[in-house]
Amino acid sequence: MTNILSIHTLRFLLLLLFQVLIFNNIQFLGYINPYVYILFIALYPVKNNRIILIILSFLLGLVIDFFMDTGGIHAAASVFIAYIRPAILKFTFGTIYEHQTIKFNSIDFGSKLTYFTLLTVLHHLILFLFEVFSISKLILVFQKTLFSSIFTILLSMLLTIIFSKKTK
């Protein structure tokens, strides 16, 4: 149990540090920014307590908001995807999720890509809706959501491939 706890604590801290020190400083074309910290929420074990995930997601988003001076929009988007995550897991994985046997290292690439895509697009949509907060700039919201989501999904998939344990 302590080994599992330490792995998730380490993942939380490393993703937070990488986001604050590296990824927040990437501004491609002025508005494309990767938010790979959501990998913590995506890779949190299915069997663990959902309330703890929502609290940790809030804290993660709050720390990101503190460093980016964004007033709580990352916390709101993170809590939203942590809350809706079971529905996305059930939609993406079906019976594997219902039996609580999802191992992210052993699922196929297509399912993992679908799962990350849904979580990322929802997170970014909420994030940019709160950031812009104007119906007249809805095209900008969709544009930022699309391009930042593509960049985040590519980086997230790359990070999970690089740091995953090979199972045979």
N, C-alpha and C. Protein backbone atom coordinates (compact mmCIF):
# COMPACT_ATOMS: atom_id res chain seq x y z
N MET A 1 0.83 -1.20 0.00
CA MET A 1 0.00 0.00 0.00
C MET A 1 0.87 1.26 0.00
N THR A 2 1.92 1.28 0.82
CA THR A 2 2.78 2.47 0.85
C THR A 2 3.53 2.64 -0.45
N ASN A 3 3.88 1.52 -1.12
CA ASN A 3 4.54 1.61 -2.41
C ASN A 3 3.62 2.26 -3.45
N ILE A 4 2.36 1.84 -3.48
CA ILE A 4 1.39 2.43 -4.40
C ILE A 4 1.15 3.89 -4.05
N LEU A 5 1.06 4.19 -2.77
CA LEU A 5 0.86 5.57 -2.35
C LEU A 5 2.03 6.44 -2.76
N SER A 6 3.23 5.92 -2.62
CA SER A 6 4.41 6.70 -2.98
C SER A 6 4.51 6.91 -4.49
N ILE A 7 4.08 5.94 -5.30
CA ILE A 7 4.09 6.09 -6.75
C ILE A 7 3.15 7.22 -7.17
N HIS A 8 1.96 7.27 -6.58
CA HIS A 8 1.00 8.31 -6.95
C HIS A 8 1.43 9.67 -6.42
N THR A 9 2.05 9.69 -5.25
CA THR A 9 2.58 10.95 -4.71
C THR A 9 3.69 11.47 -5.60
N LEU A 10 4.56 10.57 -6.03
CA LEU A 10 5.66 10.96 -6.92
C LEU A 10 5.11 11.44 -8.26
N ARG A 11 4.11 10.76 -8.81
CA ARG A 11 3.50 11.18 -10.08
C ARG A 11 2.86 12.56 -9.92
N PHE A 12 2.16 12.78 -8.81
CA PHE A 12 1.52 14.07 -8.53
C PHE A 12 2.57 15.18 -8.52
N LEU A 13 3.65 14.97 -7.77
CA LEU A 13 4.67 16.00 -7.62
C LEU A 13 5.45 16.23 -8.92
N LEU A 14 5.79 15.16 -9.62
CA LEU A 14 6.54 15.32 -10.87
C LEU A 14 5.73 16.02 -11.95
N LEU A 15 4.47 15.62 -12.10
CA LEU A 15 3.63 16.28 -13.11
C LEU A 15 3.41 17.75 -12.75
N LEU A 16 3.26 18.02 -11.47
CA LEU A 16 3.10 19.40 -11.02
C LEU A 16 4.36 20.22 -11.33
N LEU A 17 5.53 19.66 -11.01
CA LEU A 17 6.78 20.36 -11.28
C LEU A 17 7.01 20.56 -12.78
N PHE A 18 6.79 19.51 -13.58
CA PHE A 18 6.97 19.64 -15.01
C PHE A 18 6.01 20.67 -15.61
N GLN A 19 4.78 20.68 -15.12
CA GLN A 19 3.81 21.65 -15.63
C GLN A 19 4.23 23.07 -15.30
N VAL A 20 4.62 23.30 -14.05
CA VAL A 20 4.95 24.65 -13.60
C VAL A 20 6.27 25.13 -14.20
N LEU A 21 7.27 24.27 -14.23
CA LEU A 21 8.59 24.71 -14.66
C LEU A 21 8.83 24.65 -16.16
N ILE A 22 8.21 23.69 -16.84
CA ILE A 22 8.49 23.51 -18.27
C ILE A 22 7.28 23.84 -19.14
N PHE A 23 6.18 23.12 -18.94
CA PHE A 23 5.06 23.21 -19.88
C PHE A 23 4.31 24.54 -19.82
N ASN A 24 4.31 25.22 -18.69
CA ASN A 24 3.66 26.53 -18.63
C ASN A 24 4.42 27.58 -19.43
N ASN A 25 5.67 27.31 -19.72
CA ASN A 25 6.50 28.26 -20.47
C ASN A 25 6.46 28.01 -21.97
N ILE A 26 5.72 27.00 -22.39
CA ILE A 26 5.57 26.72 -23.82
C ILE A 26 4.32 27.44 -24.32
N GLN A 27 4.51 28.36 -25.22
CA GLN A 27 3.40 29.08 -25.84
C GLN A 27 3.61 29.00 -27.35
N PHE A 28 3.12 27.94 -27.95
CA PHE A 28 3.28 27.75 -29.39
C PHE A 28 2.20 28.54 -30.12
N LEU A 29 2.62 29.40 -31.03
CA LEU A 29 1.73 30.28 -31.79
C LEU A 29 0.90 31.21 -30.91
N GLY A 30 1.34 31.44 -29.70
CA GLY A 30 0.69 32.40 -28.83
C GLY A 30 -0.44 31.86 -27.96
N TYR A 31 -1.03 30.73 -28.33
CA TYR A 31 -2.16 30.25 -27.53
C TYR A 31 -2.20 28.73 -27.35
N ILE A 32 -1.26 28.02 -27.91
CA ILE A 32 -1.24 26.56 -27.74
C ILE A 32 -0.32 26.24 -26.57
N ASN A 33 -0.90 25.68 -25.52
CA ASN A 33 -0.16 25.36 -24.30
C ASN A 33 -0.55 23.96 -23.84
N PRO A 34 0.43 23.07 -23.62
CA PRO A 34 0.09 21.72 -23.16
C PRO A 34 -0.18 21.71 -21.65
N TYR A 35 -1.16 20.95 -21.26
CA TYR A 35 -1.49 20.79 -19.84
C TYR A 35 -1.42 19.31 -19.49
N VAL A 36 -0.19 18.82 -19.34
CA VAL A 36 0.00 17.38 -19.10
C VAL A 36 -0.26 16.99 -17.65
N TYR A 37 -0.49 17.94 -16.76
CA TYR A 37 -0.78 17.60 -15.37
C TYR A 37 -2.06 16.78 -15.24
N ILE A 38 -2.92 16.81 -16.26
CA ILE A 38 -4.15 16.02 -16.18
C ILE A 38 -3.88 14.52 -16.29
N LEU A 39 -2.64 14.15 -16.63
CA LEU A 39 -2.28 12.73 -16.62
C LEU A 39 -2.45 12.12 -15.23
N PHE A 40 -2.24 12.92 -14.19
CA PHE A 40 -2.45 12.40 -12.83
C PHE A 40 -3.89 11.94 -12.66
N ILE A 41 -4.82 12.73 -13.13
CA ILE A 41 -6.24 12.39 -13.00
C ILE A 41 -6.57 11.19 -13.89
N ALA A 42 -6.04 11.18 -15.09
CA ALA A 42 -6.33 10.10 -16.03
C ALA A 42 -5.77 8.77 -15.56
N LEU A 43 -4.59 8.77 -14.95
CA LEU A 43 -3.93 7.52 -14.57
C LEU A 43 -4.18 7.11 -13.12
N TYR A 44 -4.98 7.86 -12.40
CA TYR A 44 -5.30 7.50 -11.02
C TYR A 44 -6.02 6.15 -11.02
N PRO A 45 -5.65 5.25 -10.10
CA PRO A 45 -6.25 3.91 -10.11
C PRO A 45 -7.77 3.93 -9.97
N VAL A 46 -8.41 3.06 -10.73
CA VAL A 46 -9.86 2.99 -10.76
C VAL A 46 -10.42 2.53 -9.42
N LYS A 47 -9.73 1.63 -8.75
CA LYS A 47 -10.23 1.04 -7.51
C LYS A 47 -10.13 1.99 -6.31
N ASN A 48 -9.31 3.03 -6.42
CA ASN A 48 -9.14 3.95 -5.29
C ASN A 48 -10.37 4.85 -5.12
N ASN A 49 -10.44 5.48 -3.96
CA ASN A 49 -11.58 6.31 -3.57
C ASN A 49 -11.75 7.50 -4.52
N ARG A 50 -12.97 7.66 -5.01
CA ARG A 50 -13.28 8.73 -5.96
C ARG A 50 -13.23 10.11 -5.30
N ILE A 51 -13.65 10.20 -4.05
CA ILE A 51 -13.63 11.48 -3.34
C ILE A 51 -12.20 11.98 -3.17
N ILE A 52 -11.28 11.07 -2.89
CA ILE A 52 -9.87 11.46 -2.76
C ILE A 52 -9.35 11.98 -4.09
N LEU A 53 -9.74 11.34 -5.19
CA LEU A 53 -9.33 11.82 -6.51
C LEU A 53 -9.85 13.23 -6.77
N ILE A 54 -11.08 13.49 -6.41
CA ILE A 54 -11.65 14.83 -6.63
C ILE A 54 -10.92 15.87 -5.78
N ILE A 55 -10.60 15.53 -4.54
CA ILE A 55 -9.86 16.45 -3.66
C ILE A 55 -8.45 16.69 -4.20
N LEU A 56 -7.78 15.62 -4.61
CA LEU A 56 -6.42 15.76 -5.16
C LEU A 56 -6.45 16.55 -6.47
N SER A 57 -7.48 16.35 -7.27
CA SER A 57 -7.61 17.10 -8.52
C SER A 57 -7.80 18.58 -8.24
N PHE A 58 -8.60 18.88 -7.23
CA PHE A 58 -8.78 20.28 -6.83
C PHE A 58 -7.46 20.89 -6.38
N LEU A 59 -6.70 20.16 -5.54
CA LEU A 59 -5.42 20.67 -5.06
C LEU A 59 -4.42 20.85 -6.21
N LEU A 60 -4.40 19.90 -7.11
CA LEU A 60 -3.51 20.00 -8.27
C LEU A 60 -3.85 21.22 -9.11
N GLY A 61 -5.12 21.38 -9.43
CA GLY A 61 -5.56 22.54 -10.20
C GLY A 61 -5.32 23.85 -9.47
N LEU A 62 -5.51 23.85 -8.16
CA LEU A 62 -5.30 25.05 -7.36
C LEU A 62 -3.84 25.48 -7.36
N VAL A 63 -2.93 24.52 -7.26
CA VAL A 63 -1.50 24.85 -7.30
C VAL A 63 -1.12 25.39 -8.68
N ILE A 64 -1.65 24.77 -9.73
CA ILE A 64 -1.39 25.28 -11.09
C ILE A 64 -1.95 26.70 -11.22
N ASP A 65 -3.15 26.93 -10.70
CA ASP A 65 -3.74 28.27 -10.71
C ASP A 65 -2.88 29.28 -9.95
N PHE A 66 -2.33 28.83 -8.84
CA PHE A 66 -1.48 29.72 -8.04
C PHE A 66 -0.26 30.16 -8.84
N PHE A 67 0.39 29.23 -9.53
CA PHE A 67 1.58 29.57 -10.29
C PHE A 67 1.28 30.32 -11.58
N MET A 68 0.11 30.10 -12.15
CA MET A 68 -0.24 30.76 -13.41
C MET A 68 -1.09 32.01 -13.18
N ASP A 69 -1.52 32.24 -11.94
CA ASP A 69 -2.36 33.38 -11.59
C ASP A 69 -3.63 33.40 -12.44
N THR A 70 -4.34 32.27 -12.43
CA THR A 70 -5.53 32.12 -13.27
C THR A 70 -6.84 32.05 -12.49
N GLY A 71 -6.80 32.24 -11.20
CA GLY A 71 -8.03 32.44 -10.45
C GLY A 71 -8.96 31.24 -10.29
N GLY A 72 -8.49 30.04 -10.40
CA GLY A 72 -9.32 28.88 -10.11
C GLY A 72 -9.85 28.12 -11.32
N ILE A 73 -9.49 28.53 -12.53
CA ILE A 73 -10.05 27.84 -13.71
C ILE A 73 -9.46 26.45 -13.89
N HIS A 74 -8.20 26.28 -13.52
CA HIS A 74 -7.60 24.94 -13.61
C HIS A 74 -8.20 24.01 -12.55
N ALA A 75 -8.45 24.54 -11.39
CA ALA A 75 -9.08 23.74 -10.34
C ALA A 75 -10.48 23.31 -10.77
N ALA A 76 -11.23 24.20 -11.36
CA ALA A 76 -12.59 23.87 -11.81
C ALA A 76 -12.57 22.81 -12.91
N ALA A 77 -11.69 22.98 -13.89
CA ALA A 77 -11.61 22.02 -14.99
C ALA A 77 -11.11 20.66 -14.50
N SER A 78 -10.18 20.66 -13.55
CA SER A 78 -9.65 19.40 -13.01
C SER A 78 -10.71 18.66 -12.20
N VAL A 79 -11.44 19.37 -11.38
CA VAL A 79 -12.51 18.75 -10.60
C VAL A 79 -13.59 18.20 -11.53
N PHE A 80 -13.90 18.93 -12.59
CA PHE A 80 -14.91 18.46 -13.53
C PHE A 80 -14.51 17.13 -14.16
N ILE A 81 -13.27 17.02 -14.65
CA ILE A 81 -12.89 15.75 -15.29
C ILE A 81 -12.72 14.63 -14.27
N ALA A 82 -12.35 14.97 -13.03
CA ALA A 82 -12.27 13.93 -12.00
C ALA A 82 -13.67 13.42 -11.67
N TYR A 83 -14.65 14.31 -11.68
CA TYR A 83 -16.02 13.92 -11.39
C TYR A 83 -16.63 13.09 -12.51
N ILE A 84 -16.37 13.47 -13.75
CA ILE A 84 -16.99 12.79 -14.90
C ILE A 84 -16.18 11.57 -15.36
N ARG A 85 -15.02 11.36 -14.78
CA ARG A 85 -14.12 10.27 -15.18
C ARG A 85 -14.77 8.89 -15.19
N PRO A 86 -15.58 8.50 -14.19
CA PRO A 86 -16.20 7.17 -14.25
C PRO A 86 -17.07 6.96 -15.49
N ALA A 87 -17.79 7.98 -15.90
CA ALA A 87 -18.62 7.86 -17.10
C ALA A 87 -17.76 7.69 -18.35
N ILE A 88 -16.65 8.40 -18.40
CA ILE A 88 -15.75 8.28 -19.54
C ILE A 88 -15.07 6.91 -19.54
N LEU A 89 -14.70 6.43 -18.36
CA LEU A 89 -14.11 5.09 -18.27
C LEU A 89 -15.09 4.02 -18.73
N LYS A 90 -16.34 4.15 -18.32
CA LYS A 90 -17.35 3.17 -18.72
C LYS A 90 -17.61 3.24 -20.21
N PHE A 91 -17.66 4.44 -20.76
CA PHE A 91 -17.87 4.61 -22.20
C PHE A 91 -16.71 4.04 -23.00
N THR A 92 -15.49 4.29 -22.54
CA THR A 92 -14.31 3.89 -23.29
C THR A 92 -13.99 2.41 -23.14
N PHE A 93 -14.07 1.88 -21.92
CA PHE A 93 -13.60 0.52 -21.67
C PHE A 93 -14.71 -0.49 -21.43
N GLY A 94 -15.92 -0.06 -21.18
CA GLY A 94 -17.05 -0.97 -21.05
C GLY A 94 -16.92 -1.96 -19.91
N THR A 95 -16.94 -3.25 -20.22
CA THR A 95 -16.96 -4.29 -19.18
C THR A 95 -15.67 -4.35 -18.38
N ILE A 96 -14.55 -3.95 -18.98
CA ILE A 96 -13.30 -3.94 -18.22
C ILE A 96 -13.43 -2.98 -17.04
N TYR A 97 -14.05 -1.82 -17.27
CA TYR A 97 -14.25 -0.86 -16.19
C TYR A 97 -15.25 -1.39 -15.16
N GLU A 98 -16.32 -2.02 -15.63
CA GLU A 98 -17.35 -2.51 -14.71
C GLU A 98 -16.79 -3.56 -13.76
N HIS A 99 -15.81 -4.32 -14.21
CA HIS A 99 -15.18 -5.33 -13.35
C HIS A 99 -13.96 -4.79 -12.62
N GLN A 100 -13.70 -3.49 -12.77
CA GLN A 100 -12.60 -2.81 -12.08
C GLN A 100 -11.24 -3.47 -12.35
N THR A 101 -11.03 -3.90 -13.58
CA THR A 101 -9.78 -4.59 -13.91
C THR A 101 -8.94 -3.82 -14.92
N ILE A 102 -9.09 -2.52 -14.99
CA ILE A 102 -8.32 -1.72 -15.96
C ILE A 102 -6.88 -1.59 -15.47
N LYS A 103 -5.96 -1.96 -16.33
CA LYS A 103 -4.54 -1.73 -16.12
C LYS A 103 -4.07 -0.89 -17.31
N PHE A 104 -3.74 0.36 -17.07
CA PHE A 104 -3.43 1.28 -18.16
C PHE A 104 -2.21 0.84 -18.97
N ASN A 105 -1.34 0.04 -18.36
CA ASN A 105 -0.16 -0.43 -19.11
C ASN A 105 -0.52 -1.53 -20.10
N SER A 106 -1.63 -2.22 -19.89
CA SER A 106 -1.94 -3.37 -20.73
C SER A 106 -3.11 -3.16 -21.69
N ILE A 107 -3.74 -2.00 -21.68
CA ILE A 107 -4.85 -1.77 -22.61
C ILE A 107 -4.31 -1.37 -23.97
N ASP A 108 -5.12 -1.57 -25.00
CA ASP A 108 -4.66 -1.29 -26.35
C ASP A 108 -4.58 0.22 -26.60
N PHE A 109 -3.80 0.57 -27.60
CA PHE A 109 -3.50 1.97 -27.90
C PHE A 109 -4.75 2.77 -28.25
N GLY A 110 -5.66 2.18 -29.03
CA GLY A 110 -6.87 2.89 -29.45
C GLY A 110 -7.76 3.28 -28.29
N SER A 111 -7.95 2.36 -27.36
CA SER A 111 -8.77 2.67 -26.18
C SER A 111 -8.12 3.73 -25.31
N LYS A 112 -6.81 3.63 -25.15
CA LYS A 112 -6.10 4.62 -24.35
C LYS A 112 -6.17 6.00 -25.01
N LEU A 113 -6.04 6.03 -26.33
CA LEU A 113 -6.11 7.30 -27.06
C LEU A 113 -7.51 7.92 -26.94
N THR A 114 -8.54 7.09 -27.06
CA THR A 114 -9.92 7.58 -26.91
C THR A 114 -10.15 8.15 -25.51
N TYR A 115 -9.68 7.43 -24.50
CA TYR A 115 -9.83 7.87 -23.11
C TYR A 115 -9.13 9.20 -22.87
N PHE A 116 -7.85 9.30 -23.28
CA PHE A 116 -7.11 10.54 -23.10
C PHE A 116 -7.72 11.69 -23.89
N THR A 117 -8.20 11.39 -25.09
CA THR A 117 -8.80 12.42 -25.92
C THR A 117 -10.06 12.99 -25.27
N LEU A 118 -10.94 12.12 -24.79
CA LEU A 118 -12.17 12.60 -24.15
C LEU A 118 -11.87 13.44 -22.91
N LEU A 119 -10.98 12.94 -22.05
CA LEU A 119 -10.64 13.69 -20.84
C LEU A 119 -10.00 15.03 -21.18
N THR A 120 -9.08 15.02 -22.12
CA THR A 120 -8.35 16.24 -22.47
C THR A 120 -9.26 17.28 -23.10
N VAL A 121 -10.08 16.87 -24.04
CA VAL A 121 -10.97 17.83 -24.71
C VAL A 121 -11.97 18.43 -23.71
N LEU A 122 -12.52 17.60 -22.83
CA LEU A 122 -13.45 18.13 -21.82
C LEU A 122 -12.74 19.10 -20.88
N HIS A 123 -11.55 18.73 -20.43
CA HIS A 123 -10.78 19.60 -19.54
C HIS A 123 -10.50 20.94 -20.21
N HIS A 124 -10.01 20.89 -21.44
CA HIS A 124 -9.63 22.11 -22.14
C HIS A 124 -10.86 22.97 -22.48
N LEU A 125 -11.95 22.33 -22.82
CA LEU A 125 -13.17 23.08 -23.13
C LEU A 125 -13.64 23.87 -21.91
N ILE A 126 -13.70 23.21 -20.76
CA ILE A 126 -14.10 23.89 -19.51
C ILE A 126 -13.09 24.99 -19.17
N LEU A 127 -11.81 24.65 -19.28
CA LEU A 127 -10.75 25.61 -18.95
C LEU A 127 -10.85 26.88 -19.80
N PHE A 128 -10.98 26.71 -21.09
CA PHE A 128 -10.99 27.88 -21.98
C PHE A 128 -12.33 28.61 -21.96
N LEU A 129 -13.41 27.89 -21.67
CA LEU A 129 -14.70 28.59 -21.48
C LEU A 129 -14.62 29.54 -20.30
N PHE A 130 -14.02 29.08 -19.20
CA PHE A 130 -13.87 29.94 -18.04
C PHE A 130 -12.84 31.04 -18.27
N GLU A 131 -11.80 30.73 -19.04
CA GLU A 131 -10.76 31.72 -19.30
C GLU A 131 -11.29 32.88 -20.15
N VAL A 132 -11.97 32.55 -21.23
CA VAL A 132 -12.47 33.59 -22.13
C VAL A 132 -13.76 34.20 -21.58
N PHE A 133 -14.67 33.36 -21.12
CA PHE A 133 -15.93 33.74 -20.48
C PHE A 133 -16.72 34.75 -21.31
N SER A 134 -16.85 34.45 -22.60
CA SER A 134 -17.59 35.32 -23.49
C SER A 134 -18.18 34.49 -24.62
N ILE A 135 -19.47 34.59 -24.80
CA ILE A 135 -20.14 33.86 -25.88
C ILE A 135 -19.70 34.39 -27.24
N SER A 136 -19.38 35.66 -27.31
CA SER A 136 -18.97 36.24 -28.59
C SER A 136 -17.63 35.71 -29.08
N LYS A 137 -16.85 35.12 -28.20
CA LYS A 137 -15.54 34.58 -28.58
C LYS A 137 -15.53 33.05 -28.53
N LEU A 138 -16.67 32.44 -28.86
CA LEU A 138 -16.79 30.99 -28.83
C LEU A 138 -15.86 30.31 -29.83
N ILE A 139 -15.64 30.93 -30.97
CA ILE A 139 -14.73 30.38 -31.98
C ILE A 139 -13.31 30.30 -31.40
N LEU A 140 -12.90 31.33 -30.68
CA LEU A 140 -11.58 31.33 -30.04
C LEU A 140 -11.48 30.20 -29.01
N VAL A 141 -12.54 29.99 -28.25
CA VAL A 141 -12.56 28.90 -27.27
C VAL A 141 -12.37 27.56 -27.96
N PHE A 142 -13.12 27.33 -29.04
CA PHE A 142 -13.00 26.06 -29.76
C PHE A 142 -11.63 25.90 -30.41
N GLN A 143 -11.09 26.99 -30.91
CA GLN A 143 -9.78 26.96 -31.54
C GLN A 143 -8.70 26.61 -30.50
N LYS A 144 -8.73 27.29 -29.35
CA LYS A 144 -7.76 27.01 -28.29
C LYS A 144 -7.93 25.59 -27.77
N THR A 145 -9.18 25.15 -27.63
CA THR A 145 -9.45 23.79 -27.16
C THR A 145 -8.89 22.76 -28.12
N LEU A 146 -9.15 22.94 -29.40
CA LEU A 146 -8.69 21.97 -30.40
C LEU A 146 -7.18 21.87 -30.44
N PHE A 147 -6.50 22.99 -30.60
CA PHE A 147 -5.06 22.94 -30.78
C PHE A 147 -4.32 22.57 -29.50
N SER A 148 -4.74 23.10 -28.36
CA SER A 148 -4.09 22.72 -27.10
C SER A 148 -4.38 21.25 -26.77
N SER A 149 -5.56 20.77 -27.12
CA SER A 149 -5.89 19.36 -26.87
C SER A 149 -5.00 18.44 -27.71
N ILE A 150 -4.80 18.78 -28.96
CA ILE A 150 -3.94 17.95 -29.81
C ILE A 150 -2.53 17.90 -29.24
N PHE A 151 -2.01 19.04 -28.84
CA PHE A 151 -0.66 19.11 -28.28
C PHE A 151 -0.57 18.34 -26.96
N THR A 152 -1.56 18.49 -26.11
CA THR A 152 -1.58 17.79 -24.83
C THR A 152 -1.70 16.29 -25.02
N ILE A 153 -2.57 15.85 -25.92
CA ILE A 153 -2.76 14.41 -26.17
C ILE A 153 -1.48 13.79 -26.71
N LEU A 154 -0.83 14.47 -27.63
CA LEU A 154 0.43 13.95 -28.17
C LEU A 154 1.49 13.81 -27.08
N LEU A 155 1.65 14.83 -26.27
CA LEU A 155 2.62 14.77 -25.18
C LEU A 155 2.24 13.72 -24.13
N SER A 156 0.96 13.62 -23.81
CA SER A 156 0.50 12.65 -22.82
C SER A 156 0.75 11.22 -23.30
N MET A 157 0.42 10.96 -24.55
CA MET A 157 0.64 9.61 -25.09
C MET A 157 2.14 9.30 -25.13
N LEU A 158 2.94 10.28 -25.51
CA LEU A 158 4.38 10.08 -25.54
C LEU A 158 4.93 9.80 -24.14
N LEU A 159 4.48 10.55 -23.15
CA LEU A 159 4.94 10.34 -21.77
C LEU A 159 4.50 8.98 -21.24
N THR A 160 3.28 8.56 -21.54
CA THR A 160 2.82 7.26 -21.05
C THR A 160 3.56 6.12 -21.73
N ILE A 161 3.92 6.29 -23.00
CA ILE A 161 4.69 5.25 -23.68
C ILE A 161 6.10 5.17 -23.13
N ILE A 162 6.72 6.32 -22.90
CA ILE A 162 8.09 6.35 -22.41
C ILE A 162 8.18 5.79 -20.99
N PHE A 163 7.25 6.16 -20.12
CA PHE A 163 7.35 5.80 -18.71
C PHE A 163 6.51 4.59 -18.29
N SER A 164 5.91 3.90 -19.23
CA SER A 164 5.11 2.74 -18.85
C SER A 164 6.00 1.51 -18.71
N LYS A 165 5.58 0.62 -17.81
CA LYS A 165 6.28 -0.64 -17.63
C LYS A 165 5.82 -1.57 -18.76
N LYS A 166 6.74 -2.25 -19.34
CA LYS A 166 6.40 -3.18 -20.40
C LYS A 166 5.88 -4.47 -19.79
N THR A 167 4.64 -4.85 -20.16
CA THR A 167 4.05 -6.10 -19.68
C THR A 167 3.89 -7.06 -20.84
N LYS A 168 4.23 -8.30 -20.59
CA LYS A 168 4.10 -9.31 -21.65
C LYS A 168 3.29 -10.47 -21.17
